[in-house]
C-alpha atoms as a PDB file:
ATOM      1  CA  MET A   1      47.741   6.686 -22.458  1.00  0.00           C
ATOM      2  CA  ARG A   2      45.150   8.953 -20.454  1.00  0.00           C
ATOM      3  CA  PHE A   3      42.636   8.755 -23.355  1.00  0.00           C
ATOM      4  CA  ALA A   4      43.081   4.602 -23.136  1.00  0.00           C
ATOM      5  CA  GLN A   5      42.258   4.996 -19.424  1.00  0.00           C
ATOM      6  CA  LEU A   6      39.405   7.189 -19.770  1.00  0.00           C
ATOM      7  CA  GLN A   7      38.004   5.154 -22.772  1.00  0.00           C
ATOM      8  CA  THR A   8      37.940   2.014 -20.364  1.00  0.00           C
ATOM      9  CA  ILE A   9      36.203   3.642 -17.547  1.00  0.00           C
ATOM     10  CA  TYR A  10      33.414   5.076 -20.016  1.00  0.00           C
ATOM     11  CA  ASP A  11      33.277   1.646 -21.502  1.00  0.00           C
ATOM     12  CA  GLY A  12      33.012  -0.277 -18.133  1.00  0.00           C
ATOM     13  CA  PHE A  13      30.565   2.137 -16.358  1.00  0.00           C
ATOM     14  CA  PRO A  14      27.026   0.245 -15.987  1.00  0.00           C
ATOM     15  CA  VAL A  15      24.945   2.713 -17.543  1.00  0.00           C
ATOM     16  CA  GLY A  16      24.650   3.487 -21.246  1.00  0.00           C
ATOM     17  CA  LEU A  17      26.510   6.786 -22.027  1.00  0.00           C
ATOM     18  CA  CYS A  18      26.749   8.797 -25.186  1.00  0.00           C
ATOM     19  CA  PHE A  19      27.595  12.378 -26.821  1.00  0.00           C
ATOM     20  CA  LEU A  20      25.308  13.746 -29.335  1.00  0.00           C
ATOM     21  CA  ASP A  21      25.820  16.783 -31.527  1.00  0.00           C
ATOM     22  CA  CYS A  22      23.341  19.372 -32.329  1.00  0.00           C
ATOM     23  CA  GLU A  23      21.594  17.137 -35.063  1.00  0.00           C
ATOM     24  CA  LEU A  24      21.240  14.002 -32.748  1.00  0.00           C
ATOM     25  CA  ARG A  25      24.337  12.467 -34.262  1.00  0.00           C
ATOM     26  CA  TYR A  26      26.325   9.991 -32.136  1.00  0.00           C
ATOM     27  CA  ILE A  27      29.809  11.416 -31.533  1.00  0.00           C
ATOM     28  CA  SER A  28      30.826   8.909 -28.845  1.00  0.00           C
ATOM     29  CA  LEU A  29      29.139   6.312 -26.800  1.00  0.00           C
ATOM     30  CA  ASN A  30      30.170   3.487 -24.293  1.00  0.00           C
ATOM     31  CA  GLN A  31      30.070  -0.271 -24.939  1.00  0.00           C
ATOM     32  CA  HIS A  32      27.138  -0.546 -22.599  1.00  0.00           C
ATOM     33  CA  LEU A  33      24.964   1.408 -24.557  1.00  0.00           C
ATOM     34  CA  ALA A  34      25.982  -0.350 -27.587  1.00  0.00           C
ATOM     35  CA  ASN A  35      25.244  -3.558 -25.936  1.00  0.00           C
ATOM     36  CA  MET A  36      21.638  -2.273 -25.069  1.00  0.00           C
ATOM     37  CA  ASN A  37      21.013  -1.149 -28.749  1.00  0.00           C
ATOM     38  CA  GLY A  38      22.405  -4.589 -30.044  1.00  0.00           C
ATOM     39  CA  VAL A  39      24.781  -2.752 -32.492  1.00  0.00           C
ATOM     40  CA  PRO A  40      28.593  -2.244 -32.328  1.00  0.00           C
ATOM     41  CA  VAL A  41      30.224   0.907 -31.166  1.00  0.00           C
ATOM     42  CA  ILE A  42      31.508   1.699 -34.299  1.00  0.00           C
ATOM     43  CA  ALA A  43      28.177   1.306 -36.441  1.00  0.00           C
ATOM     44  CA  HIS A  44      26.704   4.298 -34.230  1.00  0.00           C
ATOM     45  CA  LEU A  45      29.402   6.736 -35.119  1.00  0.00           C
ATOM     46  CA  GLY A  46      27.869   9.529 -37.148  1.00  0.00           C
ATOM     47  CA  LYS A  47      24.537   8.037 -37.276  1.00  0.00           C
ATOM     48  CA  THR A  48      21.472   9.766 -35.831  1.00  0.00           C
ATOM     49  CA  VAL A  49      19.416   8.330 -33.071  1.00  0.00           C
ATOM     50  CA  ALA A  50      16.334   8.127 -35.230  1.00  0.00           C
ATOM     51  CA  GLU A  51      18.691   5.720 -37.458  1.00  0.00           C
ATOM     52  CA  MET A  52      19.790   3.494 -34.808  1.00  0.00           C
ATOM     53  CA  VAL A  53      16.763   3.219 -32.511  1.00  0.00           C
ATOM     54  CA  PRO A  54      13.703   4.315 -34.576  1.00  0.00           C
ATOM     55  CA  GLU A  55      11.370   2.270 -32.352  1.00  0.00           C
ATOM     56  CA  VAL A  56      11.854   4.775 -29.440  1.00  0.00           C
ATOM     57  CA  PHE A  57      13.020   7.954 -31.448  1.00  0.00           C
ATOM     58  CA  GLU A  58       9.478   9.080 -31.378  1.00  0.00           C
ATOM     59  CA  GLN A  59       9.465   9.000 -27.461  1.00  0.00           C
ATOM     60  CA  LEU A  60      12.818  10.464 -27.448  1.00  0.00           C
ATOM     61  CA  ARG A  61      12.358  13.192 -29.810  1.00  0.00           C
ATOM     62  CA  PRO A  62      10.912  15.928 -27.954  1.00  0.00           C
ATOM     63  CA  PHE A  63      13.353  15.702 -24.785  1.00  0.00           C
ATOM     64  CA  LEU A  64      16.203  15.580 -26.862  1.00  0.00           C
ATOM     65  CA  LEU A  65      15.370  18.783 -28.739  1.00  0.00           C
ATOM     66  CA  ARG A  66      14.327  20.323 -25.230  1.00  0.00           C
ATOM     67  CA  ALA A  67      17.954  19.457 -24.104  1.00  0.00           C
ATOM     68  CA  ILE A  68      19.493  21.157 -27.451  1.00  0.00           C
ATOM     69  CA  GLN A  69      17.784  24.362 -26.406  1.00  0.00           C
ATOM     70  CA  GLY A  70      19.688  24.328 -22.777  1.00  0.00           C
ATOM     71  CA  GLU A  71      17.095  22.492 -20.774  1.00  0.00           C
ATOM     72  CA  ALA A  72      18.361  19.743 -18.517  1.00  0.00           C
ATOM     73  CA  ILE A  73      16.268  16.477 -18.616  1.00  0.00           C
ATOM     74  CA  GLY A  74      16.367  14.278 -15.580  1.00  0.00           C
ATOM     75  CA  ALA A  75      15.160  11.012 -14.343  1.00  0.00           C
ATOM     76  CA  LEU A  76      12.913  10.544 -17.656  1.00  0.00           C
ATOM     77  CA  GLU A  77      11.060   7.021 -17.623  1.00  0.00           C
ATOM     78  CA  LEU A  78      10.690   5.448 -21.187  1.00  0.00           C
ATOM     79  CA  GLN A  79       9.442   2.043 -22.407  1.00  0.00           C
ATOM     80  CA  SER A  80      10.300  -0.327 -25.497  1.00  0.00           C
ATOM     81  CA  ARG A  81       9.327  -3.508 -26.592  1.00  0.00           C
ATOM     82  CA  THR A  82      12.182  -6.088 -25.632  1.00  0.00           C
ATOM     83  CA  ALA A  83      14.261  -7.346 -28.535  1.00  0.00           C
ATOM     84  CA  GLY A  84      13.239 -10.963 -29.444  1.00  0.00           C
ATOM     85  CA  ALA A  85       9.908 -10.798 -27.179  1.00  0.00           C
ATOM     86  CA  ALA A  86       7.165  -9.213 -28.742  1.00  0.00           C
ATOM     87  CA  HIS A  87       4.950  -9.192 -25.562  1.00  0.00           C
ATOM     88  CA  GLN A  88       7.458  -7.856 -23.160  1.00  0.00           C
ATOM     89  CA  THR A  89       8.359  -4.379 -22.758  1.00  0.00           C
ATOM     90  CA  SER A  90      11.542  -2.719 -21.076  1.00  0.00           C
ATOM     91  CA  THR A  91      12.013   0.325 -19.247  1.00  0.00           C
ATOM     92  CA  PHE A  92      14.690   2.823 -19.480  1.00  0.00           C
ATOM     93  CA  GLN A  93      15.418   5.933 -17.197  1.00  0.00           C
ATOM     94  CA  LEU A  94      16.848   8.890 -19.486  1.00  0.00           C
ATOM     95  CA  THR A  95      19.129  11.860 -18.497  1.00  0.00           C
ATOM     96  CA  CYS A  96      20.003  14.497 -20.928  1.00  0.00           C
ATOM     97  CA  GLN A  97      22.559  17.434 -20.135  1.00  0.00           C
ATOM     98  CA  PRO A  98      23.326  20.036 -22.704  1.00  0.00           C
ATOM     99  CA  ALA A  99      27.025  20.651 -23.156  1.00  0.00           C
ATOM    100  CA  SER A 100      28.519  24.432 -24.285  1.00  0.00           C
ATOM    101  CA  ASP A 101      31.749  25.371 -25.673  1.00  0.00           C
ATOM    102  CA  GLU A 102      33.792  28.194 -24.062  1.00  0.00           C
ATOM    103  CA  GLY A 103      31.700  30.878 -25.644  1.00  0.00           C
ATOM    104  CA  GLY A 104      28.850  29.192 -24.259  1.00  0.00           C
ATOM    105  CA  GLU A 105      27.150  27.979 -27.412  1.00  0.00           C
ATOM    106  CA  ILE A 106      25.431  24.674 -27.126  1.00  0.00           C
ATOM    107  CA  VAL A 107      27.583  22.167 -28.976  1.00  0.00           C
ATOM    108  CA  GLY A 108      25.704  18.930 -28.089  1.00  0.00           C
ATOM    109  CA  ILE A 109      24.055  16.939 -25.273  1.00  0.00           C
ATOM    110  CA  SER A 110      25.341  14.442 -22.952  1.00  0.00           C
ATOM    111  CA  VAL A 111      22.973  11.330 -22.380  1.00  0.00           C
ATOM    112  CA  ALA A 112      22.558   8.624 -19.757  1.00  0.00           C
ATOM    113  CA  ILE A 113      20.428   5.759 -19.885  1.00  0.00           C
ATOM    114  CA  VAL A 114      19.859   3.156 -17.182  1.00  0.00           C
ATOM    115  CA  ASP A 115      17.601  -0.194 -17.745  1.00  0.00           C
ATOM    116  CA  ILE A 116      15.422  -0.237 -14.898  1.00  0.00           C
ATOM    117  CA  SER A 117      13.261  -3.012 -15.850  1.00  0.00           C
ATOM    118  CA  GLU A 118      14.069  -5.556 -13.288  1.00  0.00           C
ATOM    119  CA  ARG A 119      13.148  -2.700 -10.726  1.00  0.00           C
ATOM    120  CA  LYS A 120       9.907  -1.896 -12.361  1.00  0.00           C
ATOM    121  CA  LYS A 121       8.985  -5.499 -12.335  1.00  0.00           C
ATOM    122  CA  THR A 122       9.956  -5.449  -8.541  1.00  0.00           C
ATOM    123  CA  GLU A 123       7.648  -2.645  -7.640  1.00  0.00           C
ATOM    124  CA  LEU A 124       4.871  -3.954  -9.852  1.00  0.00           C
ATOM    125  CA  ALA A 125       5.024  -7.168  -7.977  1.00  0.00           C
ATOM    126  CA  ARG A 126       4.889  -5.717  -4.677  1.00  0.00           C
ATOM    127  CA  GLN A 127       2.083  -3.341  -5.620  1.00  0.00           C
ATOM    128  CA  GLU A 128       0.150  -6.463  -6.858  1.00  0.00           C
ATOM    129  CA  SER A 129       1.015  -8.348  -3.374  1.00  0.00           C
ATOM    130  CA  LEU A 130      -0.253  -5.496  -1.392  1.00  0.00           C
ATOM    131  CA  HIS A 131      -3.044  -5.159  -3.508  1.00  0.00           C
ATOM    132  CA  ASN A 132      -4.017  -8.913  -2.738  1.00  0.00           C
ATOM    133  CA  LEU A 133      -3.366  -8.305   0.702  1.00  0.00           C
ATOM    134  CA  ARG A 134      -5.728  -5.318   1.070  1.00  0.00           C
ATOM    135  CA  HIS A 135      -8.554  -7.406  -0.671  1.00  0.00           C
ATOM    136  CA  ARG A 136      -7.909 -10.206   1.921  1.00  0.00           C
ATOM    137  CA  VAL A 137      -8.064  -7.986   4.589  1.00  0.00           C
ATOM    138  CA  GLU A 138     -11.016  -5.917   4.078  1.00  0.00           C
ATOM    139  CA  PRO A 139     -13.618  -8.576   4.376  1.00  0.00           C
ATOM    140  CA  ASN A 140     -12.141  -9.456   7.780  1.00  0.00           C
ATOM    141  CA  PRO A 141     -14.528  -7.872  10.622  1.00  0.00           C
ATOM    142  CA  ASN A 142     -11.425  -7.459  12.777  1.00  0.00           C
ATOM    143  CA  ILE A 143      -9.085  -4.325  12.381  1.00  0.00           C
ATOM    144  CA  LEU A 144      -5.713  -5.460  11.489  1.00  0.00           C
ATOM    145  CA  TRP A 145      -2.921  -3.252  12.234  1.00  0.00           C
ATOM    146  CA  THR A 146       1.054  -2.952  12.088  1.00  0.00           C
ATOM    147  CA  MET A 147       3.395  -1.524  14.459  1.00  0.00           C
ATOM    148  CA  ASP A 148       7.337  -1.008  14.656  1.00  0.00           C
ATOM    149  CA  GLY A 149       9.505  -2.138  17.267  1.00  0.00           C
ATOM    150  CA  HIS A 150       8.646   0.975  19.649  1.00  0.00           C
ATOM    151  CA  GLY A 151       4.937   0.580  19.295  1.00  0.00           C
ATOM    152  CA  MET A 152       4.366   3.247  16.453  1.00  0.00           C
ATOM    153  CA  VAL A 153       1.629   2.503  14.259  1.00  0.00           C
ATOM    154  CA  LEU A 154       2.512   2.059  10.484  1.00  0.00           C
ATOM    155  CA  ASP A 155      -0.585   0.702   9.047  1.00  0.00           C
ATOM    156  CA  VAL A 156      -4.044  -0.047  10.103  1.00  0.00           C
ATOM    157  CA  SER A 157      -6.985  -1.632   8.187  1.00  0.00           C
ATOM    158  CA  PRO A 158     -10.066   0.188   6.819  1.00  0.00           C
ATOM    159  CA  HIS A 159     -12.495  -0.805   9.568  1.00  0.00           C
ATOM    160  CA  TRP A 160     -10.484   1.706  11.931  1.00  0.00           C
ATOM    161  CA  GLU A 161     -11.639   4.692  10.110  1.00  0.00           C
ATOM    162  CA  VAL A 162     -15.197   3.493   9.875  1.00  0.00           C
ATOM    163  CA  ILE A 163     -15.451   3.036  13.513  1.00  0.00           C
ATOM    164  CA  THR A 164     -13.313   5.943  14.635  1.00  0.00           C
ATOM    165  CA  GLY A 165     -13.194   8.565  11.960  1.00  0.00           C
ATOM    166  CA  LEU A 166      -9.243   8.527  12.183  1.00  0.00           C
ATOM    167  CA  ASN A 167      -7.643   8.009   8.807  1.00  0.00           C
ATOM    168  CA  LEU A 168      -4.239   6.201   8.502  1.00  0.00           C
ATOM    169  CA  GLU A 169      -2.478   9.542   8.625  1.00  0.00           C
ATOM    170  CA  SER A 170      -4.004  10.653  11.536  1.00  0.00           C
ATOM    171  CA  SER A 171      -3.645   7.381  13.603  1.00  0.00           C
ATOM    172  CA  GLU A 172       0.178   7.000  12.426  1.00  0.00           C
ATOM    173  CA  GLY A 173       2.578   6.870  15.471  1.00  0.00           C
ATOM    174  CA  LEU A 174       0.624   7.381  18.720  1.00  0.00           C
ATOM    175  CA  GLY A 175      -2.128   9.229  16.763  1.00  0.00           C
ATOM    176  CA  TRP A 176      -4.665   6.372  17.228  1.00  0.00           C
ATOM    177  CA  LEU A 177      -4.773   7.043  21.109  1.00  0.00           C
ATOM    178  CA  ASP A 178      -7.092  10.067  20.055  1.00  0.00           C
ATOM    179  CA  ALA A 179      -9.593   7.277  19.247  1.00  0.00           C
ATOM    180  CA  VAL A 180      -9.340   5.459  22.887  1.00  0.00           C
ATOM    181  CA  HIS A 181     -12.101   6.395  25.481  1.00  0.00           C
ATOM    182  CA  PRO A 182     -11.024   9.257  27.788  1.00  0.00           C
ATOM    183  CA  ASP A 183     -11.496   6.837  30.654  1.00  0.00           C
ATOM    184  CA  ASP A 184      -9.334   4.180  29.532  1.00  0.00           C
ATOM    185  CA  LYS A 185      -6.108   6.138  28.623  1.00  0.00           C
ATOM    186  CA  GLU A 186      -4.670   6.369  32.066  1.00  0.00           C
ATOM    187  CA  PHE A 187      -4.703   2.751  32.271  1.00  0.00           C
ATOM    188  CA  LEU A 188      -3.615   2.052  28.674  1.00  0.00           C
ATOM    189  CA  TRP A 189      -0.586   4.242  28.613  1.00  0.00           C
ATOM    190  CA  PRO A 190       1.824   2.593  30.849  1.00  0.00           C
ATOM    191  CA  ASN A 191       0.370  -1.134  30.052  1.00  0.00           C
ATOM    192  CA  PHE A 192       0.844  -0.604  26.429  1.00  0.00           C
ATOM    193  CA  PHE A 193       4.427   0.244  26.443  1.00  0.00           C
ATOM    194  CA  GLU A 194       4.609  -2.584  29.345  1.00  0.00           C
ATOM    195  CA  CYS A 195       3.450  -5.014  26.542  1.00  0.00           C
ATOM    196  CA  ILE A 196       5.857  -3.758  24.166  1.00  0.00           C
ATOM    197  CA  ARG A 197       8.635  -4.038  26.213  1.00  0.00           C
ATOM    198  CA  SER A 198       7.611  -7.565  27.482  1.00  0.00           C
ATOM    199  CA  GLY A 199       6.801  -8.747  23.924  1.00  0.00           C
ATOM    200  CA  ASN A 200       3.493  -9.982  25.000  1.00  0.00           C
ATOM    201  CA  LEU A 201       0.705  -7.678  23.837  1.00  0.00           C
ATOM    202  CA  GLU A 202      -2.992  -8.173  24.916  1.00  0.00           C
ATOM    203  CA  LEU A 203      -5.104  -5.455  26.116  1.00  0.00           C
ATOM    204  CA  GLU A 204      -8.785  -4.420  26.182  1.00  0.00           C
ATOM    205  CA  PHE A 205     -10.111  -0.855  25.784  1.00  0.00           C
ATOM    206  CA  ARG A 206     -12.859   1.400  24.345  1.00  0.00           C
ATOM    207  CA  ILE A 207     -12.299   2.954  21.097  1.00  0.00           C
ATOM    208  CA  GLY A 208     -14.940   5.289  18.830  1.00  0.00           C
ATOM    209  CA  SER A 209     -16.154   8.956  19.311  1.00  0.00           C
ATOM    210  CA  GLU A 210     -18.816  10.745  20.973  1.00  0.00           C
ATOM    211  CA  GLU A 211     -20.533  10.925  17.501  1.00  0.00           C
ATOM    212  CA  LYS A 212     -19.864   7.214  16.443  1.00  0.00           C
ATOM    213  CA  ALA A 213     -20.440   5.676  19.906  1.00  0.00           C
ATOM    214  CA  TRP A 214     -17.724   3.366  21.842  1.00  0.00           C
ATOM    215  CA  HIS A 215     -16.784   0.103  21.393  1.00  0.00           C
ATOM    216  CA  TRP A 216     -14.867  -2.328  23.864  1.00  0.00           C
ATOM    217  CA  MET A 217     -12.245  -4.044  21.732  1.00  0.00           C
ATOM    218  CA  ARG A 218      -9.594  -6.477  22.676  1.00  0.00           C
ATOM    219  CA  SER A 219      -6.192  -5.928  21.032  1.00  0.00           C
ATOM    220  CA  ARG A 220      -3.784  -8.866  20.552  1.00  0.00           C
ATOM    221  CA  GLY A 221      -0.299  -8.614  18.754  1.00  0.00           C
ATOM    222  CA  THR A 222       2.925 -10.925  17.880  1.00  0.00           C
ATOM    223  CA  PRO A 223       6.180  -9.574  17.537  1.00  0.00           C
ATOM    224  CA  ARG A 224       8.623 -10.263  14.683  1.00  0.00           C
ATOM    225  CA  TYR A 225      12.295 -10.376  15.965  1.00  0.00           C
ATOM    226  CA  ASP A 226      15.391  -9.528  14.147  1.00  0.00           C
ATOM    227  CA  ARG A 227      18.651 -11.995  14.396  1.00  0.00           C
ATOM    228  CA  THR A 228      19.810 -10.281  17.454  1.00  0.00           C
ATOM    229  CA  GLY A 229      16.402 -11.014  19.184  1.00  0.00           C
ATOM    230  CA  ARG A 230      15.342  -7.375  19.018  1.00  0.00           C
ATOM    231  CA  ILE A 231      11.722  -6.778  18.271  1.00  0.00           C
ATOM    232  CA  VAL A 232      11.509  -4.899  14.785  1.00  0.00           C
ATOM    233  CA  ARG A 233       7.435  -5.246  13.944  1.00  0.00           C
ATOM    234  CA  TRP A 234       4.235  -6.026  15.659  1.00  0.00           C
ATOM    235  CA  TYR A 235       1.364  -7.520  13.845  1.00  0.00           C
ATOM    236  CA  GLY A 236      -2.179  -7.643  15.403  1.00  0.00           C
ATOM    237  CA  SER A 237      -5.873  -7.012  15.549  1.00  0.00           C
ATOM    238  CA  LEU A 238      -8.462  -5.476  17.335  1.00  0.00           C
ATOM    239  CA  GLU A 239     -11.804  -7.704  17.757  1.00  0.00           C
ATOM    240  CA  PHE A 240     -15.069  -6.551  19.003  1.00  0.00           C
ATOM    241  CA  SER A 241     -15.449  -7.461  22.927  1.00  0.00           C
ATOM    242  CA  ASN A 242     -18.631  -5.795  23.839  1.00  0.00           C
ATOM    243  CA  PHE A 243     -20.560  -8.812  23.732  1.00  0.00           C
ATOM    244  CA  ARG A 244     -18.241 -11.030  25.617  1.00  0.00           C
ATOM    245  CA  ARG A 245     -18.227  -8.343  28.246  1.00  0.00           C
ATOM    246  CA  GLU A 246     -21.928  -8.095  28.874  1.00  0.00           C
ATOM    247  CA  LEU A 247     -22.354 -11.783  28.582  1.00  0.00           C
ATOM    248  CA  THR A 248     -20.029 -12.105  31.485  1.00  0.00           C
ATOM    249  CA  GLU A 249     -21.921  -9.658  33.434  1.00  0.00           C
ATOM    250  CA  ALA A 250     -25.515 -11.111  32.460  1.00  0.00           C
ATOM    251  CA  PRO A 251     -27.408 -13.135  35.162  1.00  0.00           C
ATOM    252  CA  LEU A 252     -26.677 -16.851  34.319  1.00  0.00           C
ATOM    253  CA  ASP A 253     -30.091 -17.881  33.811  1.00  0.00           C
ATOM    254  CA  HIS A 254     -30.296 -15.664  30.613  1.00  0.00           C
ATOM    255  CA  ARG A 255     -27.069 -17.066  28.942  1.00  0.00           C
ATOM    256  CA  SER A 256     -28.524 -20.223  27.630  1.00  0.00           C
ATOM    257  CA  LEU A 257     -30.886 -17.967  25.329  1.00  0.00           C
ATOM    258  CA  LEU A 258     -27.601 -16.524  23.638  1.00  0.00           C
ATOM    259  CA  PRO A 259     -27.525 -18.736  20.511  1.00  0.00           C
ATOM    260  CA  PHE A 260     -31.205 -17.721  19.534  1.00  0.00           C
ATOM    261  CA  GLN A 261     -30.650 -14.244  20.394  1.00  0.00           C
ATOM    262  CA  ILE A 262     -28.087 -13.652  18.502  1.00  0.00           C
ATOM    263  CA  SER A 263     -29.705 -14.728  15.221  1.00  0.00           C
ATOM    264  CA  GLN A 264     -33.001 -13.125  16.062  1.00  0.00           C
ATOM    265  CA  SER A 265     -31.200  -9.771  16.246  1.00  0.00           C
ATOM    266  CA  MET A 266     -29.392 -10.380  13.209  1.00  0.00           C
ATOM    267  CA  ILE A 267     -32.575 -10.976  11.429  1.00  0.00           C
ATOM    268  CA  MET A 268     -34.283  -8.137  12.848  1.00  0.00           C
ATOM    269  CA  ASP A 269     -31.430  -5.640  11.973  1.00  0.00           C
ATOM    270  CA  GLY A 270     -31.092  -6.538   8.425  1.00  0.00           C
ATOM    271  CA  ILE A 271     -28.458  -8.981   8.158  1.00  0.00           C
ATOM    272  CA  PRO A 272     -29.923 -11.213   5.007  1.00  0.00           C
ATOM    273  CA  CYS A 273     -30.762 -14.573   6.014  1.00  0.00           C
ATOM    274  CA  SER A 274     -33.210 -17.037   3.794  1.00  0.00           C
ATOM    275  CA  LEU A 275     -36.669 -17.519   4.732  1.00  0.00           C
ATOM    276  CA  PRO A 276     -36.212 -20.827   6.044  1.00  0.00           C
ATOM    277  CA  VAL A 277     -33.473 -19.761   8.321  1.00  0.00           C
ATOM    278  CA  GLN A 278     -35.416 -17.026   9.757  1.00  0.00           C
ATOM    279  CA  ARG A 279     -38.679 -19.062  10.297  1.00  0.00           C
ATOM    280  CA  ALA A 280     -36.320 -21.998  11.940  1.00  0.00           C
ATOM    281  CA  VAL A 281     -35.134 -19.176  14.376  1.00  0.00           C
ATOM    282  CA  GLN A 282     -38.335 -17.692  15.045  1.00  0.00           C
ATOM    283  CA  GLN A 283     -39.914 -21.070  16.102  1.00  0.00           C
ATOM    284  CA  ARG A 284     -37.136 -21.839  18.352  1.00  0.00           C
ATOM    285  CA  ILE A 285     -36.875 -18.493  20.269  1.00  0.00           C
ATOM    286  CA  HIS A 286     -37.739 -18.982  23.663  1.00  0.00           C
ATOM    287  CA  PRO A 287     -41.268 -17.457  24.393  1.00  0.00           C
ATOM    288  CA  GLN A 288     -39.741 -15.711  27.664  1.00  0.00           C
ATOM    289  CA  TRP A 289     -36.948 -14.105  25.363  1.00  0.00           C
ATOM    290  CA  PRO A 290     -35.432 -11.481  27.986  1.00  0.00           C
ATOM    291  CA  ALA A 291     -35.547  -7.992  26.787  1.00  0.00           C
ATOM    292  CA  VAL A 292     -32.124  -7.644  27.979  1.00  0.00           C
ATOM    293  CA  TRP A 293     -30.511  -9.357  25.151  1.00  0.00           C
ATOM    294  CA  ARG A 294     -31.765  -7.517  22.367  1.00  0.00           C
ATOM    295  CA  PRO A 295     -29.805  -4.268  22.908  1.00  0.00           C
ATOM    296  CA  VAL A 296     -26.903  -6.445  23.638  1.00  0.00           C
ATOM    297  CA  CYS A 297     -26.869  -8.121  20.534  1.00  0.00           C
ATOM    298  CA  CYS A 298     -27.823  -4.969  18.643  1.00  0.00           C
ATOM    299  CA  ARG A 299     -24.762  -2.983  19.939  1.00  0.00           C
ATOM    300  CA  GLN A 300     -22.693  -5.896  18.920  1.00  0.00           C
ATOM    301  CA  VAL A 301     -24.002  -6.664  15.322  1.00  0.00           C
ATOM    302  CA  ARG A 302     -24.782  -2.972  14.059  1.00  0.00           C
ATOM    303  CA  PRO A 303     -21.198  -1.669  14.141  1.00  0.00           C
ATOM    304  CA  MET A 304     -20.267  -4.823  11.800  1.00  0.00           C
ATOM    305  CA  ILE A 305     -23.278  -3.719   9.373  1.00  0.00           C
ATOM    306  CA  ARG A 306     -22.162  -0.318   9.482  1.00  0.00           C
ATOM    307  CA  ILE A 307     -18.532  -1.504   8.407  1.00  0.00           C
ATOM    308  CA  SER A 308     -19.670  -3.751   5.923  1.00  0.00           C
ATOM    309  CA  ARG A 309     -22.143  -1.269   4.343  1.00  0.00           C
ATOM    310  CA  SER A 310     -19.406   1.584   4.285  1.00  0.00           C
ATOM    311  CA  LEU A 311     -16.876  -0.521   2.456  1.00  0.00           C
ATOM    312  CA  HIS A 312     -19.556  -1.787   0.032  1.00  0.00           C
ATOM    313  CA  GLN A 313     -20.560   1.686  -1.002  1.00  0.00           C
ATOM    314  CA  SER A 314     -16.926   2.709  -1.002  1.00  0.00           C
ATOM    315  CA  ASP A 315     -16.082  -0.039  -3.526  1.00  0.00           C
ATOM    316  CA  SER A 316     -19.264   0.741  -5.570  1.00  0.00           C
ATOM    317  CA  ARG A 317     -17.901   4.343  -5.857  1.00  0.00           C
ATOM    318  CA  THR A 318     -14.450   3.226  -6.828  1.00  0.00           C
ATOM    319  CA  SER A 319     -16.214   0.621  -9.383  1.00  0.00           C
ATOM    320  CA  ARG A 320     -18.246   3.553 -10.794  1.00  0.00           C
ATOM    321  CA  GLY A 321     -15.224   6.004 -11.171  1.00  0.00           C
ATOM    322  CA  ALA A 322     -13.161   3.290 -12.952  1.00  0.00           C
ATOM    323  CA  SER A 323     -16.057   2.652 -15.412  1.00  0.00           C
ATOM    324  CA  GLY A 324     -16.355   6.243 -15.907  1.00  0.00           C
ATOM    325  CA  THR A 325     -12.601   6.886 -17.150  1.00  0.00           C
END
């Protein structure tokens, strides 16, 4: 009766289980493993692993032999072709545990096999989704960020490091405050957490460093709520606001020249433009272009140029590295 109960548990366990002797012959196995191999339980008994699953035996062999020598093998991933689907593979996780008799002599190994194919497919789909998202984010001139419900930074787009010199690891949590201008921290600290509390985030402050220069940025965020109405995530962006601030402080009679001055600054600072566009802009520039606008435009455009060039160089190095391998 007890043996029958144990056999029922053994067969009903949702993991492939078997016991192999030192010659790698099946001494026992459960129904789940027989189903995975596509062969009845009785047909396994006394047969070797090489005879029953020749397509994966060469992958298994070194690990099974190590287990026979007394080494425990844990969480080993293996792949094999899916039966009836030539272009599909299944992924399995293997665990081997040597078994000894009363005298300490190894008499065989206990093996557990779990089919993790669906989990691996989900992981690959998630990685592909993140990969696609990253490629959509990188061309965006704004800095995109994600925070938890308490205002701790979880992720930030690559532009952040280009401007501030802080990588993601250094910026997580409240580490991003190290990139805030010292004169703005006293204002920012209480107002930031008030925005988190109220669910309405819009702030303007300077980020950068003494070496990389300071830039006025406007931060805006949107909360995501759970079913109870509690904020669980914040999604938002930082956008350059240098130009907007200096525009509002400039004399009114200079502001009408803005569209032409932006175009001219872009041409003079190396942003690619076709020759007809350059000539058209140069012909329309006001002859009395105030000198005040060139530095304003340059301060706004040059950081974007540096970001673009930095990301382009990084992509080029990655592509060369991939080609070399």
